[in-house]
Amino acid sequence: MAANNIIRHSSKQAFMDCPMKYHLRYVKNIETPTTSKALQFGSAVHEALDCIYRNILTIQKHPTADVQLLEHDFAKDARHAIRNYAEKIEAEIMAEEENDPFVNTEQAIAQLDEQTNLAMGVVAHYCEQKLPQDIAQYEVLDIEGKLQAPILTPDGTRAKAYYSGTYDLIVREKRTGLVWLMEHKTTAMGVQDMLNEYLGQHQHVGYLWLVEYNMKRDPEYAAKIGKKPVGVIYNIIRKKVPSQPHTIQCKKCKGSGDIAGEPCETCNGTGIGGISKKACDTTPQVFADFIEKHEHLHDDEYGKERYQELVSANTMDRFFARGKTFVTEQTMANWMQDTYAIHRLIGKMLKGNSRFYRNYKNCSQFGSMCQMKQYCEDPDMTAGSK
């Protein structure tokens, strides 16, 4: 099938970023590296969340769903999914070593362990702090929907190309009855900044088009979703686990937790004398839970003061952000028009009527992060482009 017969968000975005990048990835079929830290972390979190919401979807069908949803250990499900992911990637790393003796297997596996352990911590925090709200507010309707639909011309006829994509999940808001797409994204950046960036993109418009088109033509799928989704909910998850508060040593037992082999009465054997004034990247809830766990810290004056500072400073959660965006029919029509125009332009370039060119502006700004950079100066790879 020709390179432009199937358009996905990733291929469309690659072309919009740099036609040369599209040429290398989707015409020359050069695979991008799959072992980056960001990809390993994001994939591990995605596997865990997919497992969690798939299990919620299953439990919802049971007569005692309300009780089971409260009692089920979703964090355990997540850990199992992440371990399975890590084992799969480790097998790929070992297979790569057999083909390339210069691969640093020990370093690659250490990196994988680092990212999967971080993913477990992040997902555990999500299960504890955010998942209960989702269970209370939303009903899961579908998971990992892989859909395809024809691209339409401006006069509404079908072009000789399809748009394809996979959404994370579709949910129904219990209070309003509105149906939404829900997408999970991870970031090392500020979660609010990343949320604003995603809300300004049109990836979700393509997914909504796919859902709407398939609901019109597949009665079974339409019955499962019920109502047409009104928009998308983005969940932005930070690539970091909130830290525990910094503490100071108990002066009586000097932090050892015991005096002459007996638990210290002042710190209850914890060795913790109080809350440190050192800055801590955490959330008010994690901070409060830590204080609650240690009875002798309940009256810690600086702990109370620091907690109030965190509450005041954390009007916006620094570890998780959620935002909704409604999509109008006009927005969807504009998206389809742009998608068709890009399909036509790629077709002209493939026929040789135009050439794939390099976006030098993007190269100067983001070239160091482009995974195709090493191929741009290879004449054999860039033949048919400029």
Protein backbone atom coordinates (compact mmCIF):
# COMPACT_ATOMS: atom_id res chain seq x y z
CA MET A 1 0.00 0.00 0.00
CA ALA A 2 1.35 3.47 -0.91
CA ALA A 3 2.84 5.58 1.88
CA ASN A 4 -0.03 8.08 1.81
CA ASN A 5 -2.91 5.57 1.57
CA ILE A 6 -3.02 5.32 5.36
CA ILE A 7 -2.68 8.59 7.29
CA ARG A 8 -2.18 8.51 11.05
CA HIS A 9 -1.69 11.36 13.48
CA SER A 10 2.00 10.47 13.78
CA SER A 11 2.60 10.49 10.01
CA LYS A 12 0.55 13.65 9.50
CA GLN A 13 2.43 15.40 12.31
CA ALA A 14 5.78 14.23 10.90
CA PHE A 15 4.92 15.75 7.53
CA MET A 16 3.78 19.01 9.12
CA ASP A 17 6.99 19.19 11.18
CA CYS A 18 9.29 18.39 8.26
CA PRO A 19 8.49 16.69 4.92
CA MET A 20 12.01 15.25 4.92
CA LYS A 21 11.29 13.58 8.25
CA TYR A 22 8.14 12.07 6.72
CA HIS A 23 10.09 10.89 3.66
CA LEU A 24 12.69 9.10 5.77
CA ARG A 25 10.23 7.52 8.21
CA TYR A 26 7.28 6.61 5.98
CA VAL A 27 8.73 6.34 2.47
CA LYS A 28 12.19 4.96 3.28
CA ASN A 29 10.70 3.09 6.27
CA ILE A 30 13.52 3.96 8.65
CA GLU A 31 12.55 2.84 12.13
CA THR A 32 13.13 5.28 14.98
CA PRO A 33 14.88 4.09 18.16
CA THR A 34 12.53 2.37 20.61
CA THR A 35 14.84 2.16 23.60
CA SER A 36 14.89 5.81 24.71
CA LYS A 37 14.22 6.50 28.38
CA ALA A 38 11.16 8.61 27.59
CA LEU A 39 9.65 5.90 25.40
CA GLN A 40 10.35 3.14 27.94
CA PHE A 41 8.74 5.15 30.73
CA GLY A 42 5.74 6.25 28.66
CA SER A 43 5.15 2.74 27.32
CA ALA A 44 5.35 1.18 30.79
CA VAL A 45 2.82 3.67 32.18
CA HIS A 46 0.56 3.13 29.17
CA GLU A 47 0.64 -0.66 29.66
CA ALA A 48 -0.26 -0.22 33.33
CA LEU A 49 -3.15 2.20 32.72
CA ASP A 50 -4.49 0.05 29.89
CA CYS A 51 -4.54 -2.93 32.27
CA ILE A 52 -6.23 -0.91 35.03
CA TYR A 53 -9.05 0.52 32.91
CA ARG A 54 -9.57 -2.76 31.08
CA ASN A 55 -10.12 -4.45 34.45
CA ILE A 56 -12.50 -1.66 35.48
CA LEU A 57 -14.48 -2.26 32.28
CA THR A 58 -14.71 -5.97 33.14
CA ILE A 59 -15.70 -5.42 36.78
CA GLN A 60 -18.40 -2.89 35.78
CA LYS A 61 -20.38 -5.72 34.18
CA HIS A 62 -20.60 -7.65 37.48
CA PRO A 63 -23.74 -7.34 39.69
CA THR A 64 -21.61 -6.30 42.70
CA ALA A 65 -19.47 -3.89 40.68
CA ASP A 66 -19.67 -1.02 43.21
CA VAL A 67 -18.16 -3.17 45.95
CA GLN A 68 -15.58 -4.85 43.73
CA LEU A 69 -14.36 -1.54 42.30
CA LEU A 70 -13.68 -0.28 45.83
CA GLU A 71 -11.95 -3.47 46.98
CA HIS A 72 -9.95 -4.42 43.90
CA ASP A 73 -6.16 -3.90 44.04
CA PHE A 74 -5.59 -1.98 40.80
CA ALA A 75 -2.05 -1.04 41.85
CA LYS A 76 -1.20 -4.75 41.88
CA ASP A 77 -2.60 -5.09 38.35
CA ALA A 78 -0.42 -2.17 37.29
CA ARG A 79 2.75 -3.66 38.77
CA HIS A 80 2.08 -6.95 36.97
CA ALA A 81 1.56 -5.15 33.65
CA ILE A 82 4.76 -3.15 34.05
CA ARG A 83 6.76 -6.28 34.89
CA ASN A 84 5.42 -8.02 31.79
CA TYR A 85 6.40 -4.98 29.69
CA ALA A 86 9.90 -4.93 31.19
CA GLU A 87 10.40 -8.64 30.49
CA LYS A 88 9.38 -8.13 26.85
CA ILE A 89 11.76 -5.21 26.36
CA GLU A 90 14.59 -7.05 28.13
CA ALA A 91 14.12 -9.98 25.71
CA GLU A 92 14.37 -7.51 22.80
CA ILE A 93 17.57 -6.05 24.26
CA MET A 94 19.12 -9.52 24.60
CA ALA A 95 18.10 -10.39 21.03
CA GLU A 96 19.69 -7.16 19.81
CA GLU A 97 22.95 -8.13 21.54
CA GLU A 98 23.03 -11.37 19.51
CA ASN A 99 22.83 -9.33 16.28
CA ASP A 100 25.18 -6.57 17.40
CA PRO A 101 28.01 -7.54 19.82
CA PHE A 102 28.77 -3.85 20.46
CA VAL A 103 25.43 -3.23 22.16
CA ASN A 104 25.94 -2.33 25.83
CA THR A 105 23.40 -4.79 27.22
CA GLU A 106 24.23 -4.12 30.88
CA GLN A 107 23.67 -0.39 30.47
CA ALA A 108 20.47 -0.89 28.46
CA ILE A 109 18.96 -3.22 31.08
CA ALA A 110 19.98 -0.89 33.91
CA GLN A 111 18.20 1.95 32.08
CA LEU A 112 15.14 -0.25 31.60
CA ASP A 113 15.09 -1.12 35.31
CA GLU A 114 15.35 2.56 36.20
CA GLN A 115 12.43 3.53 33.96
CA THR A 116 10.15 0.65 34.95
CA ASN A 117 10.76 1.25 38.68
CA LEU A 118 9.94 4.92 38.16
CA ALA A 119 6.80 3.95 36.22
CA MET A 120 5.70 1.70 39.11
CA GLY A 121 6.06 4.57 41.56
CA VAL A 122 4.21 7.03 39.34
CA VAL A 123 1.34 4.62 38.62
CA ALA A 124 1.07 3.67 42.32
CA HIS A 125 0.62 7.37 43.12
CA TYR A 126 -1.99 7.65 40.35
CA CYS A 127 -3.90 4.65 41.73
CA GLU A 128 -3.88 6.09 45.22
CA GLN A 129 -4.67 9.73 44.47
CA LYS A 130 -6.52 9.90 41.13
CA LEU A 131 -8.08 6.53 40.26
CA PRO A 132 -10.73 6.61 43.03
CA GLN A 133 -12.04 9.87 41.55
CA ASP A 134 -12.23 8.33 38.08
CA ILE A 135 -14.13 5.31 39.38
CA ALA A 136 -16.62 7.62 41.11
CA GLN A 137 -17.02 10.03 38.18
CA TYR A 138 -16.78 7.93 35.02
CA GLU A 139 -18.04 4.70 33.50
CA VAL A 140 -15.56 3.06 31.11
CA LEU A 141 -17.15 2.23 27.73
CA ASP A 142 -14.23 1.08 25.57
CA ILE A 143 -10.46 0.53 25.75
CA GLU A 144 -7.77 0.83 23.06
CA GLY A 145 -10.15 1.34 20.15
CA LYS A 146 -8.34 0.76 16.84
CA LEU A 147 -10.37 2.40 14.09
CA GLN A 148 -10.06 3.34 10.44
CA ALA A 149 -12.22 5.52 8.19
CA PRO A 150 -11.91 7.01 4.69
CA ILE A 151 -10.62 10.54 4.27
CA LEU A 152 -13.27 12.71 2.65
CA THR A 153 -12.80 15.24 -0.15
CA PRO A 154 -14.22 18.79 0.20
CA ASP A 155 -17.40 17.67 -1.66
CA GLY A 156 -17.90 14.77 0.78
CA THR A 157 -16.83 11.91 -1.47
CA ARG A 158 -14.33 9.30 -0.36
CA ALA A 159 -10.68 9.82 -1.24
CA LYS A 160 -8.42 6.87 -2.03
CA ALA A 161 -6.95 7.00 1.44
CA TYR A 162 -7.86 6.24 5.05
CA TYR A 163 -7.24 7.83 8.41
CA SER A 164 -6.29 5.37 11.14
CA GLY A 165 -5.75 5.67 14.88
CA THR A 166 -6.03 4.11 18.32
CA TYR A 167 -7.55 5.96 21.27
CA ASP A 168 -6.83 5.13 24.92
CA LEU A 169 -10.39 4.88 26.20
CA ILE A 170 -13.93 6.24 25.98
CA VAL A 171 -15.82 7.11 29.17
CA ARG A 172 -19.27 8.34 30.15
CA GLU A 173 -19.47 11.06 32.76
CA LYS A 174 -21.92 9.75 35.39
CA ARG A 175 -23.21 13.17 36.47
CA THR A 176 -23.95 14.62 33.03
CA GLY A 177 -24.18 11.54 30.81
CA LEU A 178 -21.71 13.12 28.38
CA VAL A 179 -19.35 10.77 26.53
CA TRP A 180 -15.65 11.66 26.22
CA LEU A 181 -12.46 10.31 24.74
CA MET A 182 -9.80 10.05 27.45
CA GLU A 183 -6.10 10.18 26.60
CA HIS A 184 -3.17 9.57 28.98
CA LYS A 185 0.10 11.42 28.35
CA THR A 186 3.35 11.44 30.31
CA THR A 187 5.85 14.27 30.51
CA ALA A 188 9.05 15.38 32.22
CA MET A 189 7.90 18.98 31.68
CA GLY A 190 5.45 20.97 33.78
CA VAL A 191 2.11 19.18 33.60
CA GLN A 192 0.10 22.38 33.10
CA ASP A 193 2.33 23.49 30.21
CA MET A 194 2.02 20.09 28.56
CA LEU A 195 -1.75 20.09 29.08
CA ASN A 196 -2.06 23.46 27.33
CA GLU A 197 0.07 22.16 24.47
CA TYR A 198 -2.11 19.08 23.94
CA LEU A 199 -5.34 21.05 24.19
CA GLY A 200 -4.04 23.19 21.33
CA GLN A 201 -3.34 20.19 19.08
CA HIS A 202 -5.80 18.37 16.81
CA GLN A 203 -4.83 14.74 17.39
CA HIS A 204 -8.05 14.16 19.29
CA VAL A 205 -10.15 15.60 16.45
CA GLY A 206 -9.07 12.73 14.22
CA TYR A 207 -10.01 10.20 16.91
CA LEU A 208 -13.44 11.79 17.31
CA TRP A 209 -13.95 11.61 13.54
CA LEU A 210 -13.08 7.90 13.59
CA VAL A 211 -15.53 7.22 16.42
CA GLU A 212 -18.34 9.18 14.78
CA TYR A 213 -17.83 7.56 11.38
CA ASN A 214 -17.73 4.02 12.78
CA MET A 215 -20.75 4.60 15.02
CA LYS A 216 -22.79 5.50 11.93
CA ARG A 217 -21.79 2.30 10.12
CA ASP A 218 -21.41 -0.29 12.88
CA PRO A 219 -24.58 -0.79 15.01
CA GLU A 220 -22.76 -2.98 17.52
CA TYR A 221 -20.05 -0.38 18.06
CA ALA A 222 -22.67 2.38 18.26
CA ALA A 223 -24.58 0.44 20.93
CA LYS A 224 -21.39 0.05 22.98
CA ILE A 225 -20.54 3.77 22.90
CA GLY A 226 -24.11 5.03 23.14
CA LYS A 227 -23.76 8.74 22.46
CA LYS A 228 -21.31 10.51 20.18
CA PRO A 229 -18.32 11.81 22.21
CA VAL A 230 -18.44 15.57 22.75
CA GLY A 231 -14.70 16.05 23.16
CA VAL A 232 -11.55 14.78 24.84
CA ILE A 233 -10.19 14.61 28.38
CA TYR A 234 -6.39 14.74 28.63
CA ASN A 235 -4.66 13.28 31.69
CA ILE A 236 -1.09 14.56 31.94
CA ILE A 237 1.10 12.52 34.30
CA ARG A 238 4.46 13.82 35.44
CA LYS A 239 7.48 11.60 35.18
CA LYS A 240 8.27 11.82 38.87
CA VAL A 241 7.02 10.42 42.16
CA PRO A 242 6.18 13.03 44.86
CA SER A 243 8.94 13.03 47.47
CA GLN A 244 8.49 12.27 51.16
CA PRO A 245 9.15 15.30 53.41
CA HIS A 246 12.74 15.83 54.46
CA THR A 247 13.28 15.16 58.16
CA ILE A 248 15.86 15.90 60.83
CA GLN A 249 17.39 13.40 63.23
CA CYS A 250 15.93 12.89 66.65
CA LYS A 251 18.31 14.69 69.00
CA LYS A 252 17.63 12.34 71.89
CA CYS A 253 18.67 9.15 70.09
CA LYS A 254 20.63 11.00 67.38
CA GLY A 255 18.58 9.44 64.63
CA SER A 256 19.33 5.82 65.52
CA GLY A 257 15.75 5.16 66.61
CA ASP A 258 16.71 3.56 69.91
CA ILE A 259 18.45 4.30 73.16
CA ALA A 260 20.50 1.46 74.61
CA GLY A 261 18.61 -1.02 72.44
CA GLU A 262 15.18 0.29 73.46
CA PRO A 263 12.86 2.32 71.15
CA CYS A 264 13.25 6.05 71.71
CA GLU A 265 10.14 7.43 73.45
CA THR A 266 10.51 10.86 71.83
CA CYS A 267 10.42 9.67 68.20
CA ASN A 268 8.71 6.30 68.75
CA GLY A 269 11.79 4.54 67.47
CA THR A 270 11.63 6.17 64.03
CA GLY A 271 14.74 8.25 64.43
CA ILE A 272 12.81 11.23 63.05
CA GLY A 273 13.08 14.33 65.21
CA GLY A 274 10.97 16.66 63.08
CA ILE A 275 10.31 18.11 59.64
CA SER A 276 13.26 19.76 57.90
CA LYS A 277 13.02 23.20 56.32
CA LYS A 278 14.65 21.85 53.17
CA ALA A 279 12.47 22.34 50.09
CA CYS A 280 10.60 19.21 49.00
CA ASP A 281 9.02 18.47 45.59
CA THR A 282 5.81 16.89 46.80
CA THR A 283 2.05 17.33 47.15
CA PRO A 284 0.04 18.43 50.19
CA GLN A 285 -1.59 14.99 50.37
CA VAL A 286 1.71 13.08 50.43
CA PHE A 287 3.03 15.52 53.04
CA ALA A 288 -0.11 15.17 55.20
CA ASP A 289 -0.06 11.36 54.92
CA PHE A 290 3.55 11.33 56.14
CA ILE A 291 2.67 13.44 59.19
CA GLU A 292 -0.37 11.27 59.92
CA LYS A 293 1.76 8.12 59.77
CA HIS A 294 4.08 9.40 62.52
CA GLU A 295 2.08 10.30 65.64
CA HIS A 296 4.89 12.24 67.31
CA LEU A 297 4.89 14.66 64.34
CA HIS A 298 1.21 15.61 64.69
CA ASP A 299 2.16 18.64 66.82
CA ASP A 300 5.32 19.51 64.90
CA GLU A 301 4.95 23.28 64.48
CA TYR A 302 7.16 23.55 61.42
CA GLY A 303 5.37 20.57 59.87
CA LYS A 304 2.05 22.42 60.20
CA GLU A 305 3.57 25.59 58.80
CA ARG A 306 5.17 23.76 55.87
CA TYR A 307 1.92 21.95 55.10
CA GLN A 308 0.03 25.26 54.87
CA GLU A 309 2.75 26.59 52.54
CA LEU A 310 2.30 23.56 50.29
CA VAL A 311 -1.48 23.98 50.24
CA SER A 312 -1.12 27.65 49.32
CA ALA A 313 1.51 26.98 46.64
CA ASN A 314 -0.25 23.97 45.13
CA THR A 315 -3.36 25.56 43.71
CA MET A 316 -2.25 23.61 40.61
CA ASP A 317 -1.08 20.01 41.01
CA ARG A 318 2.52 19.72 39.81
CA PHE A 319 2.29 15.96 39.27
CA PHE A 320 -1.01 15.57 37.46
CA ALA A 321 -3.16 17.78 35.26
CA ARG A 322 -6.52 17.10 33.62
CA GLY A 323 -8.27 19.20 31.02
CA LYS A 324 -11.34 18.89 28.82
CA THR A 325 -11.92 20.31 25.36
CA PHE A 326 -15.17 20.25 23.40
CA VAL A 327 -14.96 19.72 19.63
CA THR A 328 -17.46 21.35 17.28
CA GLU A 329 -18.63 20.07 13.90
CA GLN A 330 -16.83 23.01 12.28
CA THR A 331 -13.54 22.07 13.96
CA MET A 332 -13.95 18.51 12.69
CA ALA A 333 -14.71 19.77 9.16
CA ASN A 334 -11.59 21.98 9.23
CA TRP A 335 -9.49 19.03 10.43
CA MET A 336 -10.76 16.84 7.58
CA GLN A 337 -10.02 19.57 5.04
CA ASP A 338 -6.44 19.92 6.34
CA THR A 339 -5.96 16.13 6.37
CA TYR A 340 -7.17 15.79 2.78
CA ALA A 341 -4.88 18.64 1.67
CA ILE A 342 -1.86 16.95 3.26
CA HIS A 343 -2.82 13.62 1.65
CA ARG A 344 -2.93 15.36 -1.76
CA LEU A 345 0.41 17.11 -1.21
CA ILE A 346 2.14 13.88 -0.16
CA GLY A 347 0.70 12.20 -3.25
CA LYS A 348 2.22 14.87 -5.51
CA MET A 349 5.60 14.46 -3.86
CA LEU A 350 5.48 10.68 -4.21
CA LYS A 351 4.69 11.05 -7.94
CA GLY A 352 7.70 13.33 -8.37
CA ASN A 353 5.65 16.45 -9.14
CA SER A 354 7.16 18.02 -6.06
CA ARG A 355 10.00 17.08 -3.75
CA PHE A 356 10.21 16.34 -0.04
CA TYR A 357 12.08 19.24 1.47
CA ARG A 358 13.82 19.80 4.75
CA ASN A 359 12.26 22.23 7.23
CA TYR A 360 15.40 24.15 8.14
CA LYS A 361 13.54 26.34 10.63
CA ASN A 362 12.55 23.29 12.68
CA CYS A 363 16.04 21.85 12.26
CA SER A 364 17.60 24.94 13.82
CA GLN A 365 15.14 24.89 16.73
CA PHE A 366 14.65 21.17 17.39
CA GLY A 367 17.31 19.42 15.28
CA SER A 368 19.16 18.04 18.28
CA MET A 369 16.01 16.10 19.27
CA CYS A 370 15.08 14.85 15.79
CA GLN A 371 15.55 11.08 15.57
CA MET A 372 16.05 11.34 11.79
CA LYS A 373 18.86 13.91 12.01
CA GLN A 374 21.62 11.38 11.35
CA TYR A 375 19.99 10.36 8.03
CA CYS A 376 19.38 13.85 6.64
CA GLU A 377 22.92 14.18 5.32
CA ASP A 378 22.97 10.72 3.70
CA PRO A 379 22.50 11.17 -0.10
CA ASP A 380 21.20 7.62 -0.51
CA MET A 381 18.54 8.12 2.12
CA THR A 382 17.42 11.53 0.91
CA ALA A 383 17.16 10.65 -2.80
CA GLY A 384 13.90 12.10 -4.11
CA SER A 385 13.99 14.90 -1.58
CA LYS A 386 15.95 18.05 -0.98
